[in-house]
Amino acid sequence: NEDSSGNAGASIAGYGAAAGIKVKIFVPENASAAKLSQIMSYGA
């Protein structure tokens, strides 16, 4: 699990995907839509 406003969440999600680790990213309600899209693209 990780909490992030965006960039760290995307980065953790990307490297987590490369390692085959299941990732959950907890974000504020007003987090950037572009960053959320990137996080979800990695399968988190």
All heavy atoms as atom14 arrays in JSON, in Angstrom:
{
  "sequence": "NEDSSGNAGASIAGYGAAAGIKVKIFVPENASAAKLSQIMSYGA",
  "atom14_mask": [
    [1, 1, 1, 1, 1, 1, 1, 1, 0, 0, 0, 0, 0, 0],
    [1, 1, 1, 1, 1, 1, 1, 1, 1, 0, 0, 0, 0, 0],
    [1, 1, 1, 1, 1, 1, 1, 1, 0, 0, 0, 0, 0, 0],
    [1, 1, 1, 1, 1, 1, 0, 0, 0, 0, 0, 0, 0, 0],
    [1, 1, 1, 1, 1, 1, 0, 0, 0, 0, 0, 0, 0, 0],
    [1, 1, 1, 1, 0, 0, 0, 0, 0, 0, 0, 0, 0, 0],
    [1, 1, 1, 1, 1, 1, 1, 1, 0, 0, 0, 0, 0, 0],
    [1, 1, 1, 1, 1, 0, 0, 0, 0, 0, 0, 0, 0, 0],
    [1, 1, 1, 1, 0, 0, 0, 0, 0, 0, 0, 0, 0, 0],
    [1, 1, 1, 1, 1, 0, 0, 0, 0, 0, 0, 0, 0, 0],
    [1, 1, 1, 1, 1, 1, 0, 0, 0, 0, 0, 0, 0, 0],
    [1, 1, 1, 1, 1, 1, 1, 1, 0, 0, 0, 0, 0, 0],
    [1, 1, 1, 1, 1, 0, 0, 0, 0, 0, 0, 0, 0, 0],
    [1, 1, 1, 1, 0, 0, 0, 0, 0, 0, 0, 0, 0, 0],
    [1, 1, 1, 1, 1, 1, 1, 1, 1, 1, 1, 1, 0, 0],
    [1, 1, 1, 1, 0, 0, 0, 0, 0, 0, 0, 0, 0, 0],
    [1, 1, 1, 1, 1, 0, 0, 0, 0, 0, 0, 0, 0, 0],
    [1, 1, 1, 1, 1, 0, 0, 0, 0, 0, 0, 0, 0, 0],
    [1, 1, 1, 1, 1, 0, 0, 0, 0, 0, 0, 0, 0, 0],
    [1, 1, 1, 1, 0, 0, 0, 0, 0, 0, 0, 0, 0, 0],
    [1, 1, 1, 1, 1, 1, 1, 1, 0, 0, 0, 0, 0, 0],
    [1, 1, 1, 1, 1, 1, 1, 1, 1, 0, 0, 0, 0, 0],
    [1, 1, 1, 1, 1, 1, 1, 0, 0, 0, 0, 0, 0, 0],
    [1, 1, 1, 1, 1, 1, 1, 1, 1, 0, 0, 0, 0, 0],
    [1, 1, 1, 1, 1, 1, 1, 1, 0, 0, 0, 0, 0, 0],
    [1, 1, 1, 1, 1, 1, 1, 1, 1, 1, 1, 0, 0, 0],
    [1, 1, 1, 1, 1, 1, 1, 0, 0, 0, 0, 0, 0, 0],
    [1, 1, 1, 1, 1, 1, 1, 0, 0, 0, 0, 0, 0, 0],
    [1, 1, 1, 1, 1, 1, 1, 1, 1, 0, 0, 0, 0, 0],
    [1, 1, 1, 1, 1, 1, 1, 1, 0, 0, 0, 0, 0, 0],
    [1, 1, 1, 1, 1, 0, 0, 0, 0, 0, 0, 0, 0, 0],
    [1, 1, 1, 1, 1, 1, 0, 0, 0, 0, 0, 0, 0, 0],
    [1, 1, 1, 1, 1, 0, 0, 0, 0, 0, 0, 0, 0, 0],
    [1, 1, 1, 1, 1, 0, 0, 0, 0, 0, 0, 0, 0, 0],
    [1, 1, 1, 1, 1, 1, 1, 1, 1, 0, 0, 0, 0, 0],
    [1, 1, 1, 1, 1, 1, 1, 1, 0, 0, 0, 0, 0, 0],
    [1, 1, 1, 1, 1, 1, 0, 0, 0, 0, 0, 0, 0, 0],
    [1, 1, 1, 1, 1, 1, 1, 1, 1, 0, 0, 0, 0, 0],
    [1, 1, 1, 1, 1, 1, 1, 1, 0, 0, 0, 0, 0, 0],
    [1, 1, 1, 1, 1, 1, 1, 1, 0, 0, 0, 0, 0, 0],
    [1, 1, 1, 1, 1, 1, 0, 0, 0, 0, 0, 0, 0, 0],
    [1, 1, 1, 1, 1, 1, 1, 1, 1, 1, 1, 1, 0, 0],
    [1, 1, 1, 1, 0, 0, 0, 0, 0, 0, 0, 0, 0, 0],
    [1, 1, 1, 1, 1, 0, 0, 0, 0, 0, 0, 0, 0, 0]
  ],
  "atom14_positions": [
    [[0.85, -1.19, 0.0], [0.0, 0.0, 0.0], [0.89, 1.24, 0.0], [1.97, 1.24, 0.59], [-0.88, 0.06, 1.25], [-1.63, -1.23, 1.5], [-2.18, -1.82, 0.57], [-1.65, -1.67, 2.74], [0.0, 0.0, 0.0], [0.0, 0.0, 0.0], [0.0, 0.0, 0.0], [0.0, 0.0, 0.0], [0.0, 0.0, 0.0], [0.0, 0.0, 0.0]],
    [[0.42, 2.28, -0.62], [1.14, 3.56, -0.64], [0.11, 4.68, -0.66], [-0.99, 4.52, -1.18], [2.04, 3.62, -1.88], [2.46, 4.99, -2.33], [3.48, 5.69, -1.44], [3.31, 5.62, -0.22], [4.4, 6.31, -1.97], [0.0, 0.0, 0.0], [0.0, 0.0, 0.0], [0.0, 0.0, 0.0], [0.0, 0.0, 0.0], [0.0, 0.0, 0.0]],
    [[0.45, 5.81, -0.05], [-0.39, 7.0, -0.15], [0.37, 8.07, -0.9], [1.57, 8.25, -0.69], [-0.79, 7.5, 1.25], [0.4, 7.77, 2.14], [1.04, 6.8, 2.59], [0.7, 8.96, 2.4], [0.0, 0.0, 0.0], [0.0, 0.0, 0.0], [0.0, 0.0, 0.0], [0.0, 0.0, 0.0], [0.0, 0.0, 0.0], [0.0, 0.0, 0.0]],
    [[-0.31, 8.76, -1.81], [0.38, 9.68, -2.69], [-0.59, 10.64, -3.33], [-1.74, 10.29, -3.61], [1.12, 8.9, -3.79], [1.55, 9.74, -4.83], [0.0, 0.0, 0.0], [0.0, 0.0, 0.0], [0.0, 0.0, 0.0], [0.0, 0.0, 0.0], [0.0, 0.0, 0.0], [0.0, 0.0, 0.0], [0.0, 0.0, 0.0], [0.0, 0.0, 0.0]],
    [[-0.12, 11.87, -3.6], [-0.93, 12.82, -4.35], [-0.8, 12.6, -5.85], [-1.52, 13.22, -6.63], [-0.5, 14.26, -4.0], [0.85, 14.47, -4.37], [0.0, 0.0, 0.0], [0.0, 0.0, 0.0], [0.0, 0.0, 0.0], [0.0, 0.0, 0.0], [0.0, 0.0, 0.0], [0.0, 0.0, 0.0], [0.0, 0.0, 0.0], [0.0, 0.0, 0.0]],
    [[0.12, 11.74, -6.28], [0.22, 11.48, -7.71], [1.51, 10.87, -8.19], [1.56, 9.69, -8.55], [0.0, 0.0, 0.0], [0.0, 0.0, 0.0], [0.0, 0.0, 0.0], [0.0, 0.0, 0.0], [0.0, 0.0, 0.0], [0.0, 0.0, 0.0], [0.0, 0.0, 0.0], [0.0, 0.0, 0.0], [0.0, 0.0, 0.0], [0.0, 0.0, 0.0]],
    [[2.6, 11.62, -8.19], [3.84, 11.15, -8.81], [4.45, 9.94, -8.13], [4.9, 9.0, -8.78], [4.88, 12.28, -8.85], [4.57, 13.32, -9.91], [3.82, 13.06, -10.84], [5.14, 14.49, -9.76], [0.0, 0.0, 0.0], [0.0, 0.0, 0.0], [0.0, 0.0, 0.0], [0.0, 0.0, 0.0], [0.0, 0.0, 0.0], [0.0, 0.0, 0.0]],
    [[4.48, 9.95, -6.8], [5.03, 8.8, -6.09], [4.15, 7.57, -6.31], [4.66, 6.46, -6.47], [5.16, 9.1, -4.59], [0.0, 0.0, 0.0], [0.0, 0.0, 0.0], [0.0, 0.0, 0.0], [0.0, 0.0, 0.0], [0.0, 0.0, 0.0], [0.0, 0.0, 0.0], [0.0, 0.0, 0.0], [0.0, 0.0, 0.0], [0.0, 0.0, 0.0]],
    [[2.84, 7.78, -6.32], [1.93, 6.67, -6.57], [2.14, 6.05, -7.93], [2.16, 4.82, -8.08], [0.0, 0.0, 0.0], [0.0, 0.0, 0.0], [0.0, 0.0, 0.0], [0.0, 0.0, 0.0], [0.0, 0.0, 0.0], [0.0, 0.0, 0.0], [0.0, 0.0, 0.0], [0.0, 0.0, 0.0], [0.0, 0.0, 0.0], [0.0, 0.0, 0.0]],
    [[2.3, 6.9, -8.94], [2.56, 6.39, -10.29], [3.87, 5.63, -10.35], [3.98, 4.57, -10.97], [2.57, 7.55, -11.29], [0.0, 0.0, 0.0], [0.0, 0.0, 0.0], [0.0, 0.0, 0.0], [0.0, 0.0, 0.0], [0.0, 0.0, 0.0], [0.0, 0.0, 0.0], [0.0, 0.0, 0.0], [0.0, 0.0, 0.0], [0.0, 0.0, 0.0]],
    [[4.89, 6.16, -9.69], [6.2, 5.53, -9.71], [6.18, 4.18, -8.98], [6.68, 3.17, -9.49], [7.22, 6.47, -9.07], [8.52, 5.95, -9.17], [0.0, 0.0, 0.0], [0.0, 0.0, 0.0], [0.0, 0.0, 0.0], [0.0, 0.0, 0.0], [0.0, 0.0, 0.0], [0.0, 0.0, 0.0], [0.0, 0.0, 0.0], [0.0, 0.0, 0.0]],
    [[5.59, 4.16, -7.8], [5.48, 2.91, -7.04], [4.67, 1.88, -7.83], [5.0, 0.69, -7.88], [4.82, 3.16, -5.67], [5.76, 3.96, -4.76], [4.4, 1.85, -5.01], [6.91, 3.19, -4.18], [0.0, 0.0, 0.0], [0.0, 0.0, 0.0], [0.0, 0.0, 0.0], [0.0, 0.0, 0.0], [0.0, 0.0, 0.0], [0.0, 0.0, 0.0]],
    [[3.58, 2.35, -8.48], [2.74, 1.45, -9.27], [3.52, 0.86, -10.44], [3.4, -0.33, -10.75], [1.5, 2.18, -9.77], [0.0, 0.0, 0.0], [0.0, 0.0, 0.0], [0.0, 0.0, 0.0], [0.0, 0.0, 0.0], [0.0, 0.0, 0.0], [0.0, 0.0, 0.0], [0.0, 0.0, 0.0], [0.0, 0.0, 0.0], [0.0, 0.0, 0.0]],
    [[4.32, 1.68, -11.11], [5.09, 1.21, -12.25], [6.13, 0.18, -11.87], [6.25, -0.88, -12.49], [0.0, 0.0, 0.0], [0.0, 0.0, 0.0], [0.0, 0.0, 0.0], [0.0, 0.0, 0.0], [0.0, 0.0, 0.0], [0.0, 0.0, 0.0], [0.0, 0.0, 0.0], [0.0, 0.0, 0.0], [0.0, 0.0, 0.0], [0.0, 0.0, 0.0]],
    [[6.9, 0.48, -10.84], [7.93, -0.46, -10.4], [7.32, -1.69, -9.74], [7.85, -2.81, -9.86], [8.93, 0.23, -9.47], [9.96, 1.01, -10.24], [9.7, 2.31, -10.66], [11.17, 0.44, -10.6], [10.62, 3.03, -11.4], [12.11, 1.15, -11.34], [11.83, 2.44, -11.74], [12.73, 3.14, -12.49], [0.0, 0.0, 0.0], [0.0, 0.0, 0.0]],
    [[6.18, -1.49, -9.06], [5.48, -2.64, -8.5], [5.02, -3.6, -9.58], [5.12, -4.82, -9.44], [0.0, 0.0, 0.0], [0.0, 0.0, 0.0], [0.0, 0.0, 0.0], [0.0, 0.0, 0.0], [0.0, 0.0, 0.0], [0.0, 0.0, 0.0], [0.0, 0.0, 0.0], [0.0, 0.0, 0.0], [0.0, 0.0, 0.0], [0.0, 0.0, 0.0]],
    [[4.52, -3.03, -10.69], [4.09, -3.86, -11.81], [5.27, -4.65, -12.38], [5.15, -5.84, -12.7], [3.47, -2.98, -12.9], [0.0, 0.0, 0.0], [0.0, 0.0, 0.0], [0.0, 0.0, 0.0], [0.0, 0.0, 0.0], [0.0, 0.0, 0.0], [0.0, 0.0, 0.0], [0.0, 0.0, 0.0], [0.0, 0.0, 0.0], [0.0, 0.0, 0.0]],
    [[6.43, -3.98, -12.5], [7.62, -4.66, -13.03], [8.06, -5.81, -12.13], [8.59, -6.81, -12.6], [8.76, -3.66, -13.19], [0.0, 0.0, 0.0], [0.0, 0.0, 0.0], [0.0, 0.0, 0.0], [0.0, 0.0, 0.0], [0.0, 0.0, 0.0], [0.0, 0.0, 0.0], [0.0, 0.0, 0.0], [0.0, 0.0, 0.0], [0.0, 0.0, 0.0]],
    [[7.81, -5.67, -10.82], [8.21, -6.7, -9.86], [7.13, -7.77, -9.66], [7.36, -8.75, -8.96], [8.54, -6.05, -8.51], [0.0, 0.0, 0.0], [0.0, 0.0, 0.0], [0.0, 0.0, 0.0], [0.0, 0.0, 0.0], [0.0, 0.0, 0.0], [0.0, 0.0, 0.0], [0.0, 0.0, 0.0], [0.0, 0.0, 0.0], [0.0, 0.0, 0.0]],
    [[5.94, -7.55, -10.25], [4.85, -8.5, -10.07], [4.19, -8.39, -8.71], [3.63, -9.37, -8.19], [0.0, 0.0, 0.0], [0.0, 0.0, 0.0], [0.0, 0.0, 0.0], [0.0, 0.0, 0.0], [0.0, 0.0, 0.0], [0.0, 0.0, 0.0], [0.0, 0.0, 0.0], [0.0, 0.0, 0.0], [0.0, 0.0, 0.0], [0.0, 0.0, 0.0]],
    [[4.21, -7.21, -8.13], [3.64, -6.97, -6.81], [2.28, -6.29, -6.95], [2.12, -5.37, -7.77], [4.59, -6.08, -5.97], [5.91, -6.81, -5.7], [3.94, -5.65, -4.66], [6.98, -5.93, -5.06], [0.0, 0.0, 0.0], [0.0, 0.0, 0.0], [0.0, 0.0, 0.0], [0.0, 0.0, 0.0], [0.0, 0.0, 0.0], [0.0, 0.0, 0.0]],
    [[1.31, -6.71, -6.18], [0.01, -6.07, -6.17], [0.11, -4.74, -5.43], [0.62, -4.68, -4.31], [-1.03, -6.97, -5.48], [-2.43, -6.39, -5.44], [-3.41, -7.33, -4.74], [-4.79, -6.71, -4.67], [-5.75, -7.6, -3.96], [0.0, 0.0, 0.0], [0.0, 0.0, 0.0], [0.0, 0.0, 0.0], [0.0, 0.0, 0.0], [0.0, 0.0, 0.0]],
    [[-0.38, -3.67, -6.06], [-0.2, -2.33, -5.51], [-1.56, -1.65, -5.31], [-2.4, -1.63, -6.21], [0.67, -1.45, -6.45], [0.8, -0.04, -5.89], [2.04, -2.09, -6.66], [0.0, 0.0, 0.0], [0.0, 0.0, 0.0], [0.0, 0.0, 0.0], [0.0, 0.0, 0.0], [0.0, 0.0, 0.0], [0.0, 0.0, 0.0], [0.0, 0.0, 0.0]],
    [[-1.75, -1.08, -4.13], [-2.9, -0.23, -3.84], [-2.39, 1.18, -3.52], [-1.52, 1.33, -2.65], [-3.71, -0.77, -2.66], [-4.47, -2.05, -2.96], [-5.4, -2.44, -1.8], [-4.62, -2.87, -0.58], [-5.5, -3.38, 0.51], [0.0, 0.0, 0.0], [0.0, 0.0, 0.0], [0.0, 0.0, 0.0], [0.0, 0.0, 0.0], [0.0, 0.0, 0.0]],
    [[-2.9, 2.17, -4.22], [-2.49, 3.55, -4.01], [-3.67, 4.34, -3.43], [-4.73, 4.43, -4.06], [-2.01, 4.22, -5.31], [-0.9, 3.39, -5.98], [-1.56, 5.64, -5.04], [0.39, 3.32, -5.19], [0.0, 0.0, 0.0], [0.0, 0.0, 0.0], [0.0, 0.0, 0.0], [0.0, 0.0, 0.0], [0.0, 0.0, 0.0], [0.0, 0.0, 0.0]],
    [[-3.47, 4.89, -2.26], [-4.48, 5.71, -1.6], [-4.21, 7.17, -1.94], [-3.08, 7.65, -1.75], [-4.44, 5.48, -0.09], [-4.88, 4.11, 0.33], [-4.05, 3.01, 0.11], [-6.11, 3.9, 0.93], [-4.44, 1.73, 0.49], [-6.51, 2.62, 1.32], [-5.68, 1.54, 1.1], [0.0, 0.0, 0.0], [0.0, 0.0, 0.0], [0.0, 0.0, 0.0]],
    [[-5.23, 7.86, -2.44], [-5.03, 9.22, -2.93], [-6.08, 10.17, -2.35], [-7.17, 9.75, -1.96], [-5.12, 9.27, -4.48], [-4.09, 8.35, -5.11], [-6.52, 8.92, -4.97], [0.0, 0.0, 0.0], [0.0, 0.0, 0.0], [0.0, 0.0, 0.0], [0.0, 0.0, 0.0], [0.0, 0.0, 0.0], [0.0, 0.0, 0.0], [0.0, 0.0, 0.0]],
    [[-5.78, 11.48, -2.3], [-6.8, 12.46, -1.92], [-7.88, 12.54, -2.98], [-7.64, 12.22, -4.16], [-6.01, 13.77, -1.85], [-4.57, 13.4, -1.84], [-4.46, 12.1, -2.56], [0.0, 0.0, 0.0], [0.0, 0.0, 0.0], [0.0, 0.0, 0.0], [0.0, 0.0, 0.0], [0.0, 0.0, 0.0], [0.0, 0.0, 0.0], [0.0, 0.0, 0.0]],
    [[-9.04, 12.96, -2.59], [-10.16, 13.06, -3.54], [-9.87, 14.01, -4.7], [-10.39, 13.82, -5.8], [-11.42, 13.53, -2.82], [-12.16, 12.43, -2.08], [-13.55, 12.87, -1.65], [-13.68, 13.98, -1.11], [-14.51, 12.1, -1.85], [0.0, 0.0, 0.0], [0.0, 0.0, 0.0], [0.0, 0.0, 0.0], [0.0, 0.0, 0.0], [0.0, 0.0, 0.0]],
    [[-9.05, 15.01, -4.46], [-8.78, 16.01, -5.5], [-7.48, 15.73, -6.27], [-6.94, 16.62, -6.91], [-8.7, 17.4, -4.87], [-7.57, 17.52, -3.85], [-6.99, 16.52, -3.45], [-7.28, 18.74, -3.42], [0.0, 0.0, 0.0], [0.0, 0.0, 0.0], [0.0, 0.0, 0.0], [0.0, 0.0, 0.0], [0.0, 0.0, 0.0], [0.0, 0.0, 0.0]],
    [[-7.01, 14.5, -6.24], [-5.77, 14.16, -6.95], [-5.92, 14.39, -8.45], [-7.02, 14.28, -9.01], [-5.39, 12.71, -6.67], [0.0, 0.0, 0.0], [0.0, 0.0, 0.0], [0.0, 0.0, 0.0], [0.0, 0.0, 0.0], [0.0, 0.0, 0.0], [0.0, 0.0, 0.0], [0.0, 0.0, 0.0], [0.0, 0.0, 0.0], [0.0, 0.0, 0.0]],
    [[-4.82, 14.71, -9.1], [-4.8, 14.99, -10.54], [-5.34, 13.81, -11.35], [-4.89, 12.67, -11.18], [-3.37, 15.3, -10.97], [-3.19, 15.14, -12.35], [0.0, 0.0, 0.0], [0.0, 0.0, 0.0], [0.0, 0.0, 0.0], [0.0, 0.0, 0.0], [0.0, 0.0, 0.0], [0.0, 0.0, 0.0], [0.0, 0.0, 0.0], [0.0, 0.0, 0.0]],
    [[-6.28, 14.1, -12.25], [-6.86, 13.05, -13.09], [-5.81, 12.4, -13.98], [-5.83, 11.18, -14.2], [-7.98, 13.64, -13.95], [0.0, 0.0, 0.0], [0.0, 0.0, 0.0], [0.0, 0.0, 0.0], [0.0, 0.0, 0.0], [0.0, 0.0, 0.0], [0.0, 0.0, 0.0], [0.0, 0.0, 0.0], [0.0, 0.0, 0.0], [0.0, 0.0, 0.0]],
    [[-4.87, 13.21, -14.49], [-3.82, 12.66, -15.35], [-2.94, 11.68, -14.58], [-2.57, 10.61, -15.08], [-2.97, 13.79, -15.92], [0.0, 0.0, 0.0], [0.0, 0.0, 0.0], [0.0, 0.0, 0.0], [0.0, 0.0, 0.0], [0.0, 0.0, 0.0], [0.0, 0.0, 0.0], [0.0, 0.0, 0.0], [0.0, 0.0, 0.0], [0.0, 0.0, 0.0]],
    [[-2.62, 12.03, -13.33], [-1.78, 11.15, -12.53], [-2.52, 9.88, -12.11], [-1.95, 8.8, -12.07], [-1.25, 11.91, -11.32], [-0.27, 13.01, -11.7], [0.17, 13.86, -10.53], [1.1, 14.97, -10.98], [1.5, 15.86, -9.87], [0.0, 0.0, 0.0], [0.0, 0.0, 0.0], [0.0, 0.0, 0.0], [0.0, 0.0, 0.0], [0.0, 0.0, 0.0]],
    [[-3.81, 10.01, -11.82], [-4.6, 8.83, -11.47], [-4.69, 7.88, -12.66], [-4.62, 6.66, -12.5], [-6.0, 9.24, -11.02], [-6.1, 10.03, -9.71], [-7.56, 10.29, -9.36], [-5.4, 9.32, -8.58], [0.0, 0.0, 0.0], [0.0, 0.0, 0.0], [0.0, 0.0, 0.0], [0.0, 0.0, 0.0], [0.0, 0.0, 0.0], [0.0, 0.0, 0.0]],
    [[-4.85, 8.44, -13.84], [-4.9, 7.61, -15.04], [-3.6, 6.85, -15.23], [-3.61, 5.65, -15.57], [-5.17, 8.49, -16.26], [-5.15, 7.73, -17.45], [0.0, 0.0, 0.0], [0.0, 0.0, 0.0], [0.0, 0.0, 0.0], [0.0, 0.0, 0.0], [0.0, 0.0, 0.0], [0.0, 0.0, 0.0], [0.0, 0.0, 0.0], [0.0, 0.0, 0.0]],
    [[-2.48, 7.5, -14.98], [-1.19, 6.83, -15.1], [-1.07, 5.7, -14.08], [-0.64, 4.6, -14.4], [-0.05, 7.82, -14.92], [1.32, 7.2, -15.13], [2.46, 8.16, -14.88], [2.25, 9.3, -14.44], [3.68, 7.72, -15.15], [0.0, 0.0, 0.0], [0.0, 0.0, 0.0], [0.0, 0.0, 0.0], [0.0, 0.0, 0.0], [0.0, 0.0, 0.0]],
    [[-1.47, 5.97, -12.83], [-1.4, 4.95, -11.77], [-2.21, 3.72, -12.18], [-1.73, 2.59, -12.09], [-1.92, 5.52, -10.44], [-0.97, 6.58, -9.9], [-2.11, 4.4, -9.41], [-1.53, 7.37, -8.73], [0.0, 0.0, 0.0], [0.0, 0.0, 0.0], [0.0, 0.0, 0.0], [0.0, 0.0, 0.0], [0.0, 0.0, 0.0], [0.0, 0.0, 0.0]],
    [[-3.43, 3.93, -12.64], [-4.31, 2.82, -13.0], [-3.81, 2.07, -14.22], [-4.02, 0.86, -14.35], [-5.73, 3.33, -13.21], [-6.39, 3.78, -11.9], [-8.13, 4.24, -12.07], [-7.98, 5.81, -12.94], [0.0, 0.0, 0.0], [0.0, 0.0, 0.0], [0.0, 0.0, 0.0], [0.0, 0.0, 0.0], [0.0, 0.0, 0.0], [0.0, 0.0, 0.0]],
    [[-3.1, 2.77, -15.1], [-2.57, 2.12, -16.3], [-1.57, 1.02, -15.95], [-1.44, 0.04, -16.69], [-1.89, 3.15, -17.21], [-2.83, 4.06, -17.73], [0.0, 0.0, 0.0], [0.0, 0.0, 0.0], [0.0, 0.0, 0.0], [0.0, 0.0, 0.0], [0.0, 0.0, 0.0], [0.0, 0.0, 0.0], [0.0, 0.0, 0.0], [0.0, 0.0, 0.0]],
    [[-0.91, 1.15, -14.82], [0.04, 0.13, -14.38], [-0.64, -1.04, -13.68], [0.03, -1.98, -13.25], [1.07, 0.75, -13.43], [1.97, 1.79, -14.05], [2.05, 3.08, -13.51], [2.74, 1.5, -15.18], [2.88, 4.04, -14.06], [3.57, 2.47, -15.73], [3.63, 3.73, -15.18], [4.46, 4.69, -15.74], [0.0, 0.0, 0.0], [0.0, 0.0, 0.0]],
    [[-1.95, -0.97, -13.57], [-2.69, -2.07, -12.95], [-2.89, -1.92, -11.46], [-3.43, -2.83, -10.8], [0.0, 0.0, 0.0], [0.0, 0.0, 0.0], [0.0, 0.0, 0.0], [0.0, 0.0, 0.0], [0.0, 0.0, 0.0], [0.0, 0.0, 0.0], [0.0, 0.0, 0.0], [0.0, 0.0, 0.0], [0.0, 0.0, 0.0], [0.0, 0.0, 0.0]],
    [[-2.49, -0.78, -10.9], [-2.67, -0.56, -9.46], [-4.12, -0.2, -9.15], [-4.82, 0.39, -9.97], [-1.74, 0.54, -8.97], [0.0, 0.0, 0.0], [0.0, 0.0, 0.0], [0.0, 0.0, 0.0], [0.0, 0.0, 0.0], [0.0, 0.0, 0.0], [0.0, 0.0, 0.0], [0.0, 0.0, 0.0], [0.0, 0.0, 0.0], [0.0, 0.0, 0.0]]
  ]
}
